[in-house]
Amino acid sequence: MLQGCLNGARPADAHPALPVTPYYLARDARAVSRYGVTSVHVHPRCPKGLETLEPLHVGDAVAAIHAEVPGMEVGVPAARWVQPDPKLRVDAVMAWGRLGAGKPDVIAVNVHDLGWREVCAAAYSLGIGLELGVWTTADAVTLRKVGVPPGTIRVVAEPTVSGPDTAVAEAVRILRALGHLGVPVLLHGEEDGAWPVLEYALRLGIDTRIGFEDVLVRPDKWLATGNEDLVKSALTIKI
């Protein structure tokens, strides 16, 4: 699977084509769906362009994508950097369960976040799938010790080092530390490490992702024109 990560935490002015509003997120989801992308990960924003867990704005973004691309899996983060209080994060997730067409299909939860297991339990109670973010070998060891929570559909291995050589080496270490958990692993990098890690994931035959959250340039170092351009570039890579 090639997932589209359409905007991430980047500021609205990071790229002229960065999708921020529900309309533009849905437009980009439609564009990448033409290339076989069936899952997108998006960071909903408030009217000021800031990330938010508020049900109104999360629901608007998810519903817009569902309306534009029926059947598209839409994932959003329950992000500690947006809401540091674990209880309030759980409350937000519980509210998302009442959003109807705006209910996320998947919630991304980072294993290193305080209260991550409670957030996972809340999502599971609502029938929302889980993506578990593993940034380091320590995160991987933690996950192996406590086990994969019910409702987990994939583990997202995401080395945060951005050097093209060190990112792949860190990806190898994280995957080894994860071992065999019984759920799919999606591997991706970021910035200068995004394309090398994507190529490594392709060589392994495991899921990966691409989009403006991870990188703004194509493999040839030219600025991408949009998320569609990045997906097209990923699909041309020969392994």
C-alpha atoms as a PDB file:
ATOM      1  CA  MET A   1       0.000   0.000   0.000  1.00  0.00           C
ATOM      2  CA  LEU A   2       1.100   3.538  -0.796  1.00  0.00           C
ATOM      3  CA  GLN A   3      -0.562   5.953   1.614  1.00  0.00           C
ATOM      4  CA  GLY A   4      -0.872   9.673   0.974  1.00  0.00           C
ATOM      5  CA  CYS A   5       0.158  11.985   3.856  1.00  0.00           C
ATOM      6  CA  LEU A   6      -1.264  15.226   2.565  1.00  0.00           C
ATOM      7  CA  ASN A   7      -0.249  18.057   4.904  1.00  0.00           C
ATOM      8  CA  GLY A   8       1.103  17.127   8.347  1.00  0.00           C
ATOM      9  CA  ALA A   9       2.072  19.823  10.823  1.00  0.00           C
ATOM     10  CA  ARG A  10       3.620  22.138   8.245  1.00  0.00           C
ATOM     11  CA  PRO A  11       2.629  25.817   8.391  1.00  0.00           C
ATOM     12  CA  ALA A  12       0.150  26.890   5.750  1.00  0.00           C
ATOM     13  CA  ASP A  13       2.791  28.877   3.873  1.00  0.00           C
ATOM     14  CA  ALA A  14       5.278  25.975   3.615  1.00  0.00           C
ATOM     15  CA  HIS A  15       4.206  25.369   0.003  1.00  0.00           C
ATOM     16  CA  PRO A  16       1.706  27.162  -2.263  1.00  0.00           C
ATOM     17  CA  ALA A  17      -0.172  23.883  -2.861  1.00  0.00           C
ATOM     18  CA  LEU A  18      -0.217  22.637   0.758  1.00  0.00           C
ATOM     19  CA  PRO A  19      -3.817  21.552   1.470  1.00  0.00           C
ATOM     20  CA  VAL A  20      -5.151  22.983   4.722  1.00  0.00           C
ATOM     21  CA  THR A  21      -8.928  23.405   4.383  1.00  0.00           C
ATOM     22  CA  PRO A  22     -11.376  20.514   4.015  1.00  0.00           C
ATOM     23  CA  TYR A  23     -11.981  21.482   0.380  1.00  0.00           C
ATOM     24  CA  TYR A  24      -8.323  21.261  -0.591  1.00  0.00           C
ATOM     25  CA  LEU A  25      -7.705  18.117   1.448  1.00  0.00           C
ATOM     26  CA  ALA A  26     -10.583  16.454  -0.386  1.00  0.00           C
ATOM     27  CA  ARG A  27      -9.283  17.739  -3.715  1.00  0.00           C
ATOM     28  CA  ASP A  28      -5.848  16.251  -3.086  1.00  0.00           C
ATOM     29  CA  ALA A  29      -7.354  12.982  -1.846  1.00  0.00           C
ATOM     30  CA  ARG A  30      -9.265  12.724  -5.112  1.00  0.00           C
ATOM     31  CA  ALA A  31      -6.125  13.513  -7.113  1.00  0.00           C
ATOM     32  CA  VAL A  32      -3.987  10.818  -5.459  1.00  0.00           C
ATOM     33  CA  SER A  33      -6.814   8.274  -5.584  1.00  0.00           C
ATOM     34  CA  ARG A  34      -6.465   8.252  -9.369  1.00  0.00           C
ATOM     35  CA  TYR A  35      -3.086   6.563  -8.856  1.00  0.00           C
ATOM     36  CA  GLY A  36      -4.385   3.785  -6.641  1.00  0.00           C
ATOM     37  CA  VAL A  37      -3.998   5.477  -3.242  1.00  0.00           C
ATOM     38  CA  THR A  38      -6.747   4.132  -0.959  1.00  0.00           C
ATOM     39  CA  SER A  39      -5.603   5.632   2.365  1.00  0.00           C
ATOM     40  CA  VAL A  40      -4.757   9.197   3.356  1.00  0.00           C
ATOM     41  CA  HIS A  41      -3.403  10.634   6.590  1.00  0.00           C
ATOM     42  CA  VAL A  42      -4.360  14.268   7.202  1.00  0.00           C
ATOM     43  CA  HIS A  43      -3.958  16.857   9.947  1.00  0.00           C
ATOM     44  CA  PRO A  44      -7.211  18.852  10.300  1.00  0.00           C
ATOM     45  CA  ARG A  45      -6.903  22.575  10.916  1.00  0.00           C
ATOM     46  CA  CYS A  46      -8.961  25.323  12.494  1.00  0.00           C
ATOM     47  CA  PRO A  47      -9.903  28.439  10.458  1.00  0.00           C
ATOM     48  CA  LYS A  48      -6.597  30.029  11.531  1.00  0.00           C
ATOM     49  CA  GLY A  49      -4.693  27.168   9.881  1.00  0.00           C
ATOM     50  CA  LEU A  50      -3.560  25.616  13.161  1.00  0.00           C
ATOM     51  CA  GLU A  51      -3.806  21.909  13.960  1.00  0.00           C
ATOM     52  CA  THR A  52      -6.793  20.972  16.054  1.00  0.00           C
ATOM     53  CA  LEU A  53      -8.546  18.023  17.683  1.00  0.00           C
ATOM     54  CA  GLU A  54     -11.857  19.909  17.834  1.00  0.00           C
ATOM     55  CA  PRO A  55     -14.640  17.615  16.560  1.00  0.00           C
ATOM     56  CA  LEU A  56     -16.152  20.323  14.350  1.00  0.00           C
ATOM     57  CA  HIS A  57     -12.990  20.782  12.306  1.00  0.00           C
ATOM     58  CA  VAL A  58     -11.915  17.125  12.340  1.00  0.00           C
ATOM     59  CA  GLY A  59     -15.389  16.126  11.183  1.00  0.00           C
ATOM     60  CA  ASP A  60     -15.440  18.711   8.404  1.00  0.00           C
ATOM     61  CA  ALA A  61     -12.110  17.509   7.001  1.00  0.00           C
ATOM     62  CA  VAL A  62     -12.921  13.806   7.183  1.00  0.00           C
ATOM     63  CA  ALA A  63     -16.457  14.223   5.829  1.00  0.00           C
ATOM     64  CA  ALA A  64     -15.205  16.273   2.882  1.00  0.00           C
ATOM     65  CA  ILE A  65     -12.771  13.524   1.900  1.00  0.00           C
ATOM     66  CA  HIS A  66     -15.365  10.773   2.361  1.00  0.00           C
ATOM     67  CA  ALA A  67     -17.801  12.710   0.154  1.00  0.00           C
ATOM     68  CA  GLU A  68     -15.213  13.327  -2.557  1.00  0.00           C
ATOM     69  CA  VAL A  69     -13.664   9.840  -2.496  1.00  0.00           C
ATOM     70  CA  PRO A  70     -16.131   7.262  -1.162  1.00  0.00           C
ATOM     71  CA  GLY A  71     -14.297   4.292   0.311  1.00  0.00           C
ATOM     72  CA  MET A  72     -11.085   6.212   0.991  1.00  0.00           C
ATOM     73  CA  GLU A  73      -9.564   5.360   4.372  1.00  0.00           C
ATOM     74  CA  VAL A  74      -9.063   8.634   6.244  1.00  0.00           C
ATOM     75  CA  GLY A  75      -6.704   8.789   9.207  1.00  0.00           C
ATOM     76  CA  VAL A  76      -6.057  11.680  11.595  1.00  0.00           C
ATOM     77  CA  PRO A  77      -3.602  12.040  14.489  1.00  0.00           C
ATOM     78  CA  ALA A  78      -4.510  12.220  18.163  1.00  0.00           C
ATOM     79  CA  ALA A  79      -1.477  14.408  18.615  1.00  0.00           C
ATOM     80  CA  ARG A  80       0.182  15.198  21.942  1.00  0.00           C
ATOM     81  CA  TRP A  81       1.693  18.385  20.521  1.00  0.00           C
ATOM     82  CA  VAL A  82      -1.835  19.644  19.783  1.00  0.00           C
ATOM     83  CA  GLN A  83      -3.340  18.570  23.119  1.00  0.00           C
ATOM     84  CA  PRO A  84      -0.770  17.654  25.805  1.00  0.00           C
ATOM     85  CA  ASP A  85      -3.407  16.534  28.338  1.00  0.00           C
ATOM     86  CA  PRO A  86      -4.053  12.781  27.814  1.00  0.00           C
ATOM     87  CA  LYS A  87      -7.547  12.970  29.300  1.00  0.00           C
ATOM     88  CA  LEU A  88      -8.564  15.754  26.935  1.00  0.00           C
ATOM     89  CA  ARG A  89      -7.155  13.728  24.036  1.00  0.00           C
ATOM     90  CA  VAL A  90      -9.339  10.799  25.071  1.00  0.00           C
ATOM     91  CA  ASP A  91     -12.329  13.149  25.324  1.00  0.00           C
ATOM     92  CA  ALA A  92     -11.644  14.436  21.807  1.00  0.00           C
ATOM     93  CA  VAL A  93     -11.456  10.919  20.387  1.00  0.00           C
ATOM     94  CA  MET A  94     -14.716   9.946  22.096  1.00  0.00           C
ATOM     95  CA  ALA A  95     -16.360  12.998  20.522  1.00  0.00           C
ATOM     96  CA  TRP A  96     -15.097  11.962  17.084  1.00  0.00           C
ATOM     97  CA  GLY A  97     -17.146   8.791  17.412  1.00  0.00           C
ATOM     98  CA  ARG A  98     -20.327  10.865  17.062  1.00  0.00           C
ATOM     99  CA  LEU A  99     -19.338  12.571  13.816  1.00  0.00           C
ATOM    100  CA  GLY A 100     -21.176  10.315  11.370  1.00  0.00           C
ATOM    101  CA  ALA A 101     -19.635  10.760   7.915  1.00  0.00           C
ATOM    102  CA  GLY A 102     -16.925  12.832   9.594  1.00  0.00           C
ATOM    103  CA  LYS A 103     -15.819   9.999  11.862  1.00  0.00           C
ATOM    104  CA  PRO A 104     -12.193   9.073  11.097  1.00  0.00           C
ATOM    105  CA  ASP A 105     -11.531   5.541   9.903  1.00  0.00           C
ATOM    106  CA  VAL A 106      -8.144   5.490  11.629  1.00  0.00           C
ATOM    107  CA  ILE A 107      -6.476   7.372  14.463  1.00  0.00           C
ATOM    108  CA  ALA A 108      -2.695   7.713  14.579  1.00  0.00           C
ATOM    109  CA  VAL A 109      -1.306   7.336  18.107  1.00  0.00           C
ATOM    110  CA  ASN A 110       2.380   7.633  18.972  1.00  0.00           C
ATOM    111  CA  VAL A 111       3.707   4.991  21.354  1.00  0.00           C
ATOM    112  CA  HIS A 112       5.925   7.501  23.164  1.00  0.00           C
ATOM    113  CA  ASP A 113       2.984   9.766  24.097  1.00  0.00           C
ATOM    114  CA  LEU A 114       1.794   9.805  27.681  1.00  0.00           C
ATOM    115  CA  GLY A 115      -1.621   8.145  27.814  1.00  0.00           C
ATOM    116  CA  TRP A 116      -1.339   6.455  24.420  1.00  0.00           C
ATOM    117  CA  ARG A 117      -2.928   3.218  25.607  1.00  0.00           C
ATOM    118  CA  GLU A 118      -5.993   5.045  26.932  1.00  0.00           C
ATOM    119  CA  VAL A 119      -6.384   6.853  23.596  1.00  0.00           C
ATOM    120  CA  CYS A 120      -6.139   3.505  21.817  1.00  0.00           C
ATOM    121  CA  ALA A 121      -8.804   2.004  24.072  1.00  0.00           C
ATOM    122  CA  ALA A 122     -11.132   4.931  23.351  1.00  0.00           C
ATOM    123  CA  ALA A 123     -10.695   4.540  19.601  1.00  0.00           C
ATOM    124  CA  TYR A 124     -11.263   0.784  19.803  1.00  0.00           C
ATOM    125  CA  SER A 125     -14.498   1.287  21.757  1.00  0.00           C
ATOM    126  CA  LEU A 126     -15.794   3.371  18.840  1.00  0.00           C
ATOM    127  CA  GLY A 127     -14.751   0.956  16.109  1.00  0.00           C
ATOM    128  CA  ILE A 128     -12.004   3.283  14.859  1.00  0.00           C
ATOM    129  CA  GLY A 129      -8.817   1.618  13.635  1.00  0.00           C
ATOM    130  CA  LEU A 130      -5.388   2.384  15.058  1.00  0.00           C
ATOM    131  CA  GLU A 131      -2.068   3.324  13.485  1.00  0.00           C
ATOM    132  CA  LEU A 132       0.683   3.069  16.088  1.00  0.00           C
ATOM    133  CA  GLY A 133       3.541   5.492  15.522  1.00  0.00           C
ATOM    134  CA  VAL A 134       6.980   4.119  16.411  1.00  0.00           C
ATOM    135  CA  TRP A 135       9.742   6.726  16.125  1.00  0.00           C
ATOM    136  CA  THR A 136      12.675   4.992  17.831  1.00  0.00           C
ATOM    137  CA  THR A 137      14.000   1.598  18.818  1.00  0.00           C
ATOM    138  CA  ALA A 138      12.902   2.414  22.375  1.00  0.00           C
ATOM    139  CA  ASP A 139       9.326   2.855  21.111  1.00  0.00           C
ATOM    140  CA  ALA A 140       9.604  -0.487  19.315  1.00  0.00           C
ATOM    141  CA  VAL A 141      10.785  -2.223  22.489  1.00  0.00           C
ATOM    142  CA  THR A 142       7.920  -0.643  24.448  1.00  0.00           C
ATOM    143  CA  LEU A 143       5.376  -1.916  21.934  1.00  0.00           C
ATOM    144  CA  ARG A 144       6.810  -5.425  21.995  1.00  0.00           C
ATOM    145  CA  LYS A 145       6.668  -5.454  25.808  1.00  0.00           C
ATOM    146  CA  VAL A 146       3.083  -4.219  26.201  1.00  0.00           C
ATOM    147  CA  GLY A 147       1.694  -5.850  23.052  1.00  0.00           C
ATOM    148  CA  VAL A 148      -0.336  -4.510  20.151  1.00  0.00           C
ATOM    149  CA  PRO A 149      -3.648  -3.021  21.368  1.00  0.00           C
ATOM    150  CA  PRO A 150      -6.955  -4.348  19.979  1.00  0.00           C
ATOM    151  CA  GLY A 151      -8.035  -2.520  16.840  1.00  0.00           C
ATOM    152  CA  THR A 152      -4.523  -1.936  15.515  1.00  0.00           C
ATOM    153  CA  ILE A 153      -4.498  -2.097  11.716  1.00  0.00           C
ATOM    154  CA  ARG A 154      -0.852  -1.147  11.217  1.00  0.00           C
ATOM    155  CA  VAL A 155       2.317  -0.016  12.914  1.00  0.00           C
ATOM    156  CA  VAL A 156       3.916   3.057  11.369  1.00  0.00           C
ATOM    157  CA  ALA A 157       7.696   2.967  11.665  1.00  0.00           C
ATOM    158  CA  GLU A 158       8.933   6.507  11.174  1.00  0.00           C
ATOM    159  CA  PRO A 159      12.601   7.304  11.831  1.00  0.00           C
ATOM    160  CA  THR A 160      12.813  10.997  12.623  1.00  0.00           C
ATOM    161  CA  VAL A 161      16.437  11.467  11.515  1.00  0.00           C
ATOM    162  CA  SER A 162      16.444  13.196   8.149  1.00  0.00           C
ATOM    163  CA  GLY A 163      19.899  12.412   6.762  1.00  0.00           C
ATOM    164  CA  PRO A 164      19.544  10.176   3.687  1.00  0.00           C
ATOM    165  CA  ASP A 165      22.045   7.593   4.951  1.00  0.00           C
ATOM    166  CA  THR A 166      21.295   7.701   8.656  1.00  0.00           C
ATOM    167  CA  ALA A 167      17.511   7.558   8.057  1.00  0.00           C
ATOM    168  CA  VAL A 168      17.728   4.173   6.354  1.00  0.00           C
ATOM    169  CA  ALA A 169      20.085   2.841   9.031  1.00  0.00           C
ATOM    170  CA  GLU A 170      17.652   3.968  11.728  1.00  0.00           C
ATOM    171  CA  ALA A 171      14.775   2.374   9.815  1.00  0.00           C
ATOM    172  CA  VAL A 172      16.654  -0.931   9.837  1.00  0.00           C
ATOM    173  CA  ARG A 173      17.184  -0.690  13.595  1.00  0.00           C
ATOM    174  CA  ILE A 174      13.521   0.110  14.283  1.00  0.00           C
ATOM    175  CA  LEU A 175      12.260  -2.759  12.127  1.00  0.00           C
ATOM    176  CA  ARG A 176      14.619  -5.198  13.836  1.00  0.00           C
ATOM    177  CA  ALA A 177      13.478  -4.004  17.262  1.00  0.00           C
ATOM    178  CA  LEU A 178       9.820  -4.403  16.262  1.00  0.00           C
ATOM    179  CA  GLY A 179      10.235  -8.008  15.219  1.00  0.00           C
ATOM    180  CA  HIS A 180       7.055  -9.770  14.096  1.00  0.00           C
ATOM    181  CA  LEU A 181       3.991  -8.214  15.693  1.00  0.00           C
ATOM    182  CA  GLY A 182       1.306  -9.837  13.558  1.00  0.00           C
ATOM    183  CA  VAL A 183       0.106  -6.584  11.962  1.00  0.00           C
ATOM    184  CA  PRO A 184       1.303  -4.782   8.804  1.00  0.00           C
ATOM    185  CA  VAL A 185       4.146  -2.284   9.115  1.00  0.00           C
ATOM    186  CA  LEU A 186       4.187   0.966   7.148  1.00  0.00           C
ATOM    187  CA  LEU A 187       7.669   2.466   6.877  1.00  0.00           C
ATOM    188  CA  HIS A 188       8.408   6.070   5.906  1.00  0.00           C
ATOM    189  CA  GLY A 189      10.996   8.790   6.386  1.00  0.00           C
ATOM    190  CA  GLU A 190      10.969  12.567   6.326  1.00  0.00           C
ATOM    191  CA  GLU A 191      12.688  15.428   4.517  1.00  0.00           C
ATOM    192  CA  ASP A 192      16.035  14.307   3.005  1.00  0.00           C
ATOM    193  CA  GLY A 193      15.426  10.818   4.371  1.00  0.00           C
ATOM    194  CA  ALA A 194      11.954  10.454   2.855  1.00  0.00           C
ATOM    195  CA  TRP A 195      12.899   9.086  -0.558  1.00  0.00           C
ATOM    196  CA  PRO A 196      15.717   6.756   0.597  1.00  0.00           C
ATOM    197  CA  VAL A 197      13.439   5.241   3.256  1.00  0.00           C
ATOM    198  CA  LEU A 198      10.579   4.899   0.759  1.00  0.00           C
ATOM    199  CA  GLU A 199      12.892   3.052  -1.628  1.00  0.00           C
ATOM    200  CA  TYR A 200      14.014   0.790   1.205  1.00  0.00           C
ATOM    201  CA  ALA A 201      10.369   0.011   2.057  1.00  0.00           C
ATOM    202  CA  LEU A 202       9.734  -0.850  -1.590  1.00  0.00           C
ATOM    203  CA  ARG A 203      12.705  -3.205  -1.603  1.00  0.00           C
ATOM    204  CA  LEU A 204      11.316  -4.933   1.486  1.00  0.00           C
ATOM    205  CA  GLY A 205       7.861  -5.135  -0.058  1.00  0.00           C
ATOM    206  CA  ILE A 206       6.136  -3.398   2.864  1.00  0.00           C
ATOM    207  CA  ASP A 207       3.707  -0.485   3.007  1.00  0.00           C
ATOM    208  CA  THR A 208       4.969   3.074   2.754  1.00  0.00           C
ATOM    209  CA  ARG A 209       3.663   6.584   2.242  1.00  0.00           C
ATOM    210  CA  ILE A 210       4.448   9.887   0.552  1.00  0.00           C
ATOM    211  CA  GLY A 211       3.077  13.408   0.598  1.00  0.00           C
ATOM    212  CA  PHE A 212       3.714  16.943   1.740  1.00  0.00           C
ATOM    213  CA  GLU A 213       3.818  15.897   5.395  1.00  0.00           C
ATOM    214  CA  ASP A 214       7.066  14.036   4.723  1.00  0.00           C
ATOM    215  CA  VAL A 215       8.767  15.931   1.917  1.00  0.00           C
ATOM    216  CA  LEU A 216       8.255  18.906  -0.413  1.00  0.00           C
ATOM    217  CA  VAL A 217      10.602  17.835  -3.200  1.00  0.00           C
ATOM    218  CA  ARG A 218      10.666  14.996  -5.720  1.00  0.00           C
ATOM    219  CA  PRO A 219      13.552  12.507  -5.887  1.00  0.00           C
ATOM    220  CA  ASP A 220      15.260  14.771  -8.463  1.00  0.00           C
ATOM    221  CA  LYS A 221      15.292  17.554  -5.773  1.00  0.00           C
ATOM    222  CA  TRP A 222      12.883  19.742  -7.721  1.00  0.00           C
ATOM    223  CA  LEU A 223      10.040  21.266  -5.708  1.00  0.00           C
ATOM    224  CA  ALA A 224       6.933  19.143  -6.174  1.00  0.00           C
ATOM    225  CA  THR A 225       3.877  20.799  -7.655  1.00  0.00           C
ATOM    226  CA  GLY A 226       1.573  18.971  -5.256  1.00  0.00           C
ATOM    227  CA  ASN A 227       0.765  15.721  -3.491  1.00  0.00           C
ATOM    228  CA  GLU A 228      -0.216  14.186  -6.811  1.00  0.00           C
ATOM    229  CA  ASP A 229       3.257  14.945  -8.171  1.00  0.00           C
ATOM    230  CA  LEU A 230       4.873  13.191  -5.189  1.00  0.00           C
ATOM    231  CA  VAL A 231       2.678  10.095  -5.583  1.00  0.00           C
ATOM    232  CA  LYS A 232       3.425   9.931  -9.302  1.00  0.00           C
ATOM    233  CA  SER A 233       7.151  10.179  -8.529  1.00  0.00           C
ATOM    234  CA  ALA A 234       6.901   7.348  -5.982  1.00  0.00           C
ATOM    235  CA  LEU A 235       5.174   5.116  -8.503  1.00  0.00           C
ATOM    236  CA  THR A 236       7.975   5.597 -11.043  1.00  0.00           C
ATOM    237  CA  ILE A 237      10.665   4.266  -8.703  1.00  0.00           C
ATOM    238  CA  LYS A 238      11.983   0.947  -9.952  1.00  0.00           C
ATOM    239  CA  ILE A 239      13.408  -1.533  -7.471  1.00  0.00           C
END
